[in-house]
Each structure stands twice: as structure tokens, then as C-alpha cells.
C-alpha atoms as a PDB file:
ATOM      1  CA  MET A   1     -49.815  85.371 -22.525  1.00  0.00           C
ATOM      2  CA  SER A   2     -46.975  83.570 -23.073  1.00  0.00           C
ATOM      3  CA  TRP A   3     -45.688  80.343 -23.858  1.00  0.00           C
ATOM      4  CA  PHE A   4     -43.580  78.291 -22.110  1.00  0.00           C
ATOM      5  CA  VAL A   5     -41.587  74.556 -22.379  1.00  0.00           C
ATOM      6  CA  ILE A   6     -42.721  71.683 -19.856  1.00  0.00           C
ATOM      7  CA  HIS A   7     -40.555  68.695 -19.191  1.00  0.00           C
ATOM      8  CA  THR A   8     -42.580  65.538 -18.628  1.00  0.00           C
ATOM      9  CA  LYS A   9     -42.146  62.212 -17.309  1.00  0.00           C
ATOM     10  CA  PRO A  10     -40.959  59.679 -19.604  1.00  0.00           C
ATOM     11  CA  ASN A  11     -43.708  58.550 -21.872  1.00  0.00           C
ATOM     12  CA  GLU A  12     -46.178  60.495 -19.961  1.00  0.00           C
ATOM     13  CA  GLU A  13     -46.574  63.539 -22.703  1.00  0.00           C
ATOM     14  CA  LYS A  14     -50.461  62.581 -23.448  1.00  0.00           C
ATOM     15  CA  LYS A  15     -51.263  62.233 -19.404  1.00  0.00           C
ATOM     16  CA  ALA A  16     -49.488  65.365 -18.292  1.00  0.00           C
ATOM     17  CA  LEU A  17     -51.158  67.195 -21.731  1.00  0.00           C
ATOM     18  CA  ALA A  18     -54.689  65.486 -20.539  1.00  0.00           C
ATOM     19  CA  ASN A  19     -54.078  66.752 -16.510  1.00  0.00           C
ATOM     20  CA  LEU A  20     -53.091  70.031 -17.854  1.00  0.00           C
ATOM     21  CA  ILE A  21     -55.908  70.730 -20.092  1.00  0.00           C
ATOM     22  CA  ASN A  22     -58.656  69.248 -17.127  1.00  0.00           C
ATOM     23  CA  GLN A  23     -56.817  72.073 -15.356  1.00  0.00           C
ATOM     24  CA  GLU A  24     -58.507  75.006 -17.805  1.00  0.00           C
ATOM     25  CA  PHE A  25     -54.617  75.657 -19.375  1.00  0.00           C
ATOM     26  CA  THR A  26     -54.507  75.991 -22.430  1.00  0.00           C
ATOM     27  CA  CYS A  27     -51.184  73.345 -24.306  1.00  0.00           C
ATOM     28  CA  TYR A  28     -49.875  72.043 -27.598  1.00  0.00           C
ATOM     29  CA  MET A  29     -48.432  68.919 -28.268  1.00  0.00           C
ATOM     30  CA  PRO A  30     -46.814  68.663 -31.544  1.00  0.00           C
ATOM     31  CA  MET A  31     -47.467  65.449 -33.076  1.00  0.00           C
ATOM     32  CA  TYR A  32     -46.242  63.182 -36.294  1.00  0.00           C
ATOM     33  CA  SER A  33     -47.313  60.271 -37.800  1.00  0.00           C
ATOM     34  CA  LYS A  34     -45.108  57.152 -37.762  1.00  0.00           C
ATOM     35  CA  GLU A  35     -45.130  53.354 -38.713  1.00  0.00           C
ATOM     36  CA  ILE A  36     -44.501  50.959 -35.764  1.00  0.00           C
ATOM     37  CA  ILE A  37     -44.495  47.194 -36.519  1.00  0.00           C
ATOM     38  CA  THR A  38     -44.946  44.830 -34.204  1.00  0.00           C
ATOM     39  CA  LYS A  39     -46.218  41.089 -33.850  1.00  0.00           C
ATOM     40  CA  LYS A  40     -46.810  40.997 -38.111  1.00  0.00           C
ATOM     41  CA  LYS A  41     -48.781  43.840 -37.428  1.00  0.00           C
ATOM     42  CA  ILE A  42     -48.025  47.447 -39.471  1.00  0.00           C
ATOM     43  CA  LYS A  43     -49.556  50.414 -37.399  1.00  0.00           C
ATOM     44  CA  ILE A  44     -49.648  54.155 -38.136  1.00  0.00           C
ATOM     45  CA  THR A  45     -49.407  55.444 -34.726  1.00  0.00           C
ATOM     46  CA  PRO A  46     -49.191  59.441 -33.365  1.00  0.00           C
ATOM     47  CA  SER A  47     -46.607  60.611 -31.875  1.00  0.00           C
ATOM     48  CA  PRO A  48     -45.026  63.089 -29.873  1.00  0.00           C
ATOM     49  CA  LEU A  49     -42.627  65.545 -32.189  1.00  0.00           C
ATOM     50  CA  PHE A  50     -40.627  66.239 -28.999  1.00  0.00           C
ATOM     51  CA  PRO A  51     -40.725  63.379 -26.450  1.00  0.00           C
ATOM     52  CA  ARG A  52     -40.946  64.349 -22.914  1.00  0.00           C
ATOM     53  CA  TYR A  53     -42.033  67.894 -24.084  1.00  0.00           C
ATOM     54  CA  LEU A  54     -44.812  70.209 -24.508  1.00  0.00           C
ATOM     55  CA  PHE A  55     -45.720  73.839 -24.176  1.00  0.00           C
ATOM     56  CA  ILE A  56     -47.921  75.730 -21.920  1.00  0.00           C
ATOM     57  CA  GLU A  57     -49.668  79.191 -22.075  1.00  0.00           C
ATOM     58  CA  VAL A  58     -49.582  81.305 -18.938  1.00  0.00           C
ATOM     59  CA  ASN A  59     -50.199  84.828 -18.098  1.00  0.00           C
ATOM     60  CA  ASP A  60     -47.007  86.111 -17.395  1.00  0.00           C
ATOM     61  CA  GLU A  61     -47.930  87.530 -13.966  1.00  0.00           C
ATOM     62  CA  SER A  62     -49.504  84.488 -13.052  1.00  0.00           C
ATOM     63  CA  ILE A  63     -47.000  82.090 -14.081  1.00  0.00           C
ATOM     64  CA  GLN A  64     -44.880  82.013 -10.808  1.00  0.00           C
ATOM     65  CA  LYS A  65     -48.141  81.410  -8.401  1.00  0.00           C
ATOM     66  CA  ASN A  66     -48.947  78.222 -10.938  1.00  0.00           C
ATOM     67  CA  ILE A  67     -45.457  76.500 -11.078  1.00  0.00           C
ATOM     68  CA  GLY A  68     -46.359  74.448  -8.095  1.00  0.00           C
ATOM     69  CA  LEU A  69     -49.495  73.684  -9.787  1.00  0.00           C
ATOM     70  CA  ILE A  70     -47.795  73.109 -12.767  1.00  0.00           C
ATOM     71  CA  ARG A  71     -45.077  70.788 -11.149  1.00  0.00           C
ATOM     72  CA  SER A  72     -47.524  69.119  -9.214  1.00  0.00           C
ATOM     73  CA  THR A  73     -49.790  67.715 -12.323  1.00  0.00           C
ATOM     74  CA  LEU A  74     -49.727  64.398 -12.975  1.00  0.00           C
ATOM     75  CA  GLY A  75     -47.388  63.488 -15.801  1.00  0.00           C
ATOM     76  CA  VAL A  76     -45.512  66.593 -15.562  1.00  0.00           C
ATOM     77  CA  HIS A  77     -41.344  66.442 -14.606  1.00  0.00           C
ATOM     78  CA  GLN A  78     -41.081  70.296 -14.139  1.00  0.00           C
ATOM     79  CA  LEU A  79     -41.119  73.496 -16.219  1.00  0.00           C
ATOM     80  CA  LEU A  80     -37.729  74.591 -17.724  1.00  0.00           C
ATOM     81  CA  LYS A  81     -36.573  77.450 -16.409  1.00  0.00           C
ATOM     82  CA  ILE A  82     -32.965  79.414 -16.540  1.00  0.00           C
ATOM     83  CA  GLY A  83     -32.318  79.734 -12.803  1.00  0.00           C
ATOM     84  CA  GLU A  84     -35.671  80.972 -11.221  1.00  0.00           C
ATOM     85  CA  ASN A  85     -37.191  82.057 -14.726  1.00  0.00           C
ATOM     86  CA  PRO A  86     -39.252  79.770 -16.300  1.00  0.00           C
ATOM     87  CA  ILE A  87     -38.055  80.009 -19.948  1.00  0.00           C
ATOM     88  CA  LYS A  88     -40.470  81.743 -22.512  1.00  0.00           C
ATOM     89  CA  ILE A  89     -41.230  80.384 -26.133  1.00  0.00           C
ATOM     90  CA  SER A  90     -42.055  83.338 -28.469  1.00  0.00           C
ATOM     91  CA  ALA A  91     -45.956  82.784 -30.314  1.00  0.00           C
ATOM     92  CA  GLU A  92     -44.439  82.745 -33.560  1.00  0.00           C
ATOM     93  CA  ILE A  93     -42.719  79.699 -32.730  1.00  0.00           C
ATOM     94  CA  ILE A  94     -45.608  78.171 -31.659  1.00  0.00           C
ATOM     95  CA  ILE A  95     -47.784  79.099 -34.883  1.00  0.00           C
ATOM     96  CA  GLU A  96     -44.718  77.502 -37.113  1.00  0.00           C
ATOM     97  CA  LEU A  97     -45.179  74.562 -35.397  1.00  0.00           C
ATOM     98  CA  LYS A  98     -48.544  74.153 -36.027  1.00  0.00           C
ATOM     99  CA  SER A  99     -48.505  75.161 -39.541  1.00  0.00           C
ATOM    100  CA  ALA A 100     -45.636  73.048 -40.218  1.00  0.00           C
ATOM    101  CA  GLU A 101     -47.615  69.834 -38.143  1.00  0.00           C
ATOM    102  CA  LYS A 102     -50.641  70.861 -40.411  1.00  0.00           C
ATOM    103  CA  HIS A 103     -48.419  70.068 -43.582  1.00  0.00           C
ATOM    104  CA  ARG A 104     -46.627  66.912 -42.177  1.00  0.00           C
ATOM    105  CA  SER A 105     -50.157  65.596 -40.904  1.00  0.00           C
ATOM    106  CA  GLU A 106     -50.375  63.931 -44.891  1.00  0.00           C
ATOM    107  CA  LYS A 107     -46.642  62.463 -44.481  1.00  0.00           C
ATOM    108  CA  ILE A 108     -45.899  59.049 -42.224  1.00  0.00           C
ATOM    109  CA  LYS A 109     -42.734  58.593 -40.868  1.00  0.00           C
ATOM    110  CA  ASN A 110     -41.670  54.782 -42.611  1.00  0.00           C
ATOM    111  CA  TYR A 111     -40.055  52.517 -39.676  1.00  0.00           C
ATOM    112  CA  PHE A 112     -37.430  51.487 -42.480  1.00  0.00           C
ATOM    113  CA  GLU A 113     -35.244  53.934 -43.986  1.00  0.00           C
ATOM    114  CA  GLN A 114     -33.546  53.468 -47.735  1.00  0.00           C
ATOM    115  CA  GLY A 115     -29.922  52.192 -47.489  1.00  0.00           C
ATOM    116  CA  GLU A 116     -30.961  50.518 -43.904  1.00  0.00           C
ATOM    117  CA  GLN A 117     -29.467  47.105 -43.238  1.00  0.00           C
ATOM    118  CA  VAL A 118     -32.066  44.615 -42.347  1.00  0.00           C
ATOM    119  CA  GLU A 119     -32.323  40.860 -41.632  1.00  0.00           C
ATOM    120  CA  ILE A 120     -34.987  38.616 -43.390  1.00  0.00           C
ATOM    121  CA  GLN A 121     -37.177  36.613 -40.422  1.00  0.00           C
ATOM    122  CA  SER A 122     -38.950  34.306 -42.445  1.00  0.00           C
ATOM    123  CA  GLY A 123     -39.802  32.406 -45.672  1.00  0.00           C
ATOM    124  CA  PRO A 124     -37.293  31.142 -48.056  1.00  0.00           C
ATOM    125  CA  TYR A 125     -34.633  33.975 -47.604  1.00  0.00           C
ATOM    126  CA  LYS A 126     -34.749  34.094 -43.939  1.00  0.00           C
ATOM    127  CA  GLY A 127     -31.188  34.775 -42.344  1.00  0.00           C
ATOM    128  CA  ILE A 128     -30.407  36.766 -45.209  1.00  0.00           C
ATOM    129  CA  LYS A 129     -29.418  39.962 -44.840  1.00  0.00           C
ATOM    130  CA  ALA A 130     -30.004  42.969 -47.307  1.00  0.00           C
ATOM    131  CA  ILE A 131     -30.522  46.441 -47.720  1.00  0.00           C
ATOM    132  CA  PHE A 132     -34.098  48.157 -47.880  1.00  0.00           C
ATOM    133  CA  GLU A 133     -34.707  50.175 -51.054  1.00  0.00           C
ATOM    134  CA  CYS A 134     -37.837  51.554 -50.938  1.00  0.00           C
ATOM    135  CA  GLU A 135     -41.736  50.381 -50.611  1.00  0.00           C
ATOM    136  CA  ASP A 136     -43.928  49.135 -53.479  1.00  0.00           C
ATOM    137  CA  ALA A 137     -47.397  50.796 -54.039  1.00  0.00           C
ATOM    138  CA  ASP A 138     -48.942  47.606 -52.317  1.00  0.00           C
ATOM    139  CA  LYS A 139     -46.710  48.376 -49.045  1.00  0.00           C
ATOM    140  CA  ARG A 140     -44.200  45.676 -49.218  1.00  0.00           C
ATOM    141  CA  ALA A 141     -40.341  46.215 -48.757  1.00  0.00           C
ATOM    142  CA  ILE A 142     -38.138  46.295 -51.684  1.00  0.00           C
ATOM    143  CA  LEU A 143     -34.551  44.613 -51.019  1.00  0.00           C
ATOM    144  CA  PHE A 144     -31.018  44.316 -52.330  1.00  0.00           C
ATOM    145  CA  PHE A 145     -28.756  41.665 -51.656  1.00  0.00           C
ATOM    146  CA  GLU A 146     -26.086  39.433 -52.920  1.00  0.00           C
ATOM    147  CA  LEU A 147     -26.843  36.502 -54.526  1.00  0.00           C
ATOM    148  CA  MET A 148     -23.800  34.291 -56.122  1.00  0.00           C
ATOM    149  CA  GLN A 149     -21.921  37.441 -56.302  1.00  0.00           C
ATOM    150  CA  LYS A 150     -24.730  38.986 -58.030  1.00  0.00           C
ATOM    151  CA  SER A 151     -27.350  41.979 -57.182  1.00  0.00           C
ATOM    152  CA  THR A 152     -30.618  40.797 -56.637  1.00  0.00           C
ATOM    153  CA  LYS A 153     -33.521  42.441 -55.986  1.00  0.00           C
ATOM    154  CA  ILE A 154     -36.671  40.883 -54.119  1.00  0.00           C
ATOM    155  CA  SER A 155     -40.032  42.258 -52.630  1.00  0.00           C
ATOM    156  CA  VAL A 156     -41.177  40.943 -49.087  1.00  0.00           C
ATOM    157  CA  ASP A 157     -43.605  41.819 -46.739  1.00  0.00           C
ATOM    158  CA  LYS A 158     -42.299  44.598 -44.180  1.00  0.00           C
ATOM    159  CA  VAL A 159     -43.419  42.383 -41.285  1.00  0.00           C
ATOM    160  CA  ASN A 160     -40.834  39.659 -42.476  1.00  0.00           C
ATOM    161  CA  ILE A 161     -37.901  41.798 -41.880  1.00  0.00           C
ATOM    162  CA  LYS A 162     -36.308  43.583 -38.961  1.00  0.00           C
ATOM    163  CA  LYS A 163     -33.295  46.578 -38.561  1.00  0.00           C
ATOM    164  CA  ILE A 164     -30.015  45.368 -37.975  1.00  0.00           C
ATOM    165  CA  ASN A 165     -28.458  47.278 -35.347  1.00  0.00           C
ATOM    166  CA  LYS A 166     -25.271  48.279 -36.423  1.00  0.00           C
ATOM    167  CA  ILE A 167     -22.423  48.960 -33.379  1.00  0.00           C
ATOM    168  CA  THR A 168     -20.141  51.683 -33.877  1.00  0.00           C
END
């Protein structure tokens, strides 16, 4: 048995995974938890570590005859190949990914990162641009901004700030 890489259709990793498992294939999709802010709510959501990719374990002898079955599965775009040969991934890499996923499970990727520029969306400081420093114990954002030529620190609910897209 060997592991191979599947390229999925955009945002259909979970659909491809479910359909392959329904066909009794052994599959693996590494995940991590990340923070998402939408419409005044903060949610922790599991997301694929490698968007649009998952791994499938198939017998070496049967991979060629299963290519059509795998490729025609809902959510699957293609099996990654070099020429006509599907790309093999060593079992050690899959074991390492699974191990790292277990260690990562307690950690959540925060939506805002230290040093990132943000803009305050509501309240008395609405429209002010600031620098995200960290979260406090209440999961509020600690921000720094210039006020009357003095660096000022404030605490703001994270749903009231947004990232400023830098154009480089």
C-alpha cells in the first residue's frame, strides 16, 4: 500500500474526502483550527492544512485501474502524476503529518497577527488605523496608535476591527 496525492476542486476537499471514504478508500486530510471573524462573531473553524489537496492510500498494483474511479469522484479534480505515473508519498511523511496535527490540535491560528495594521470599525475610535499587538485574557485586541503625537494603547473587541490590505 502506498499514499498518493489528490488535487481537489476549489473548496471541495471535504466533499472529495467523504465521497472517497464512501467508496472504501483510506484517505487523510491534514487539518488545523483557525479563527474566523464574520458579522460580529468570532468562530473557530477546522480548515485543511493544504487547501485543495488530500492523500489517499491505494495498493500499488491497483492504482492504475483505480485512477478513473478516483478522478470521477465528486470533488476530485485529479490524481497528481508525473507523466503517466501517480506521485507516491512515503508513509513516513503521512505519519509525521498526523503527529504534527495532534500537536497542533490545541493551537488555533489567530485571525490577526502581531504587528498587523488594522482599522477600528466602530465606537469612539472608528476610522482610526492602529497596529495589532496581541489578545488580552478576555480575547480582546490590544492595539497601538498615535494620538496627539503619543503612542496610545487600547483594548477593543476583535469583531470591531478589520485588517488593512497593504498594496505593494
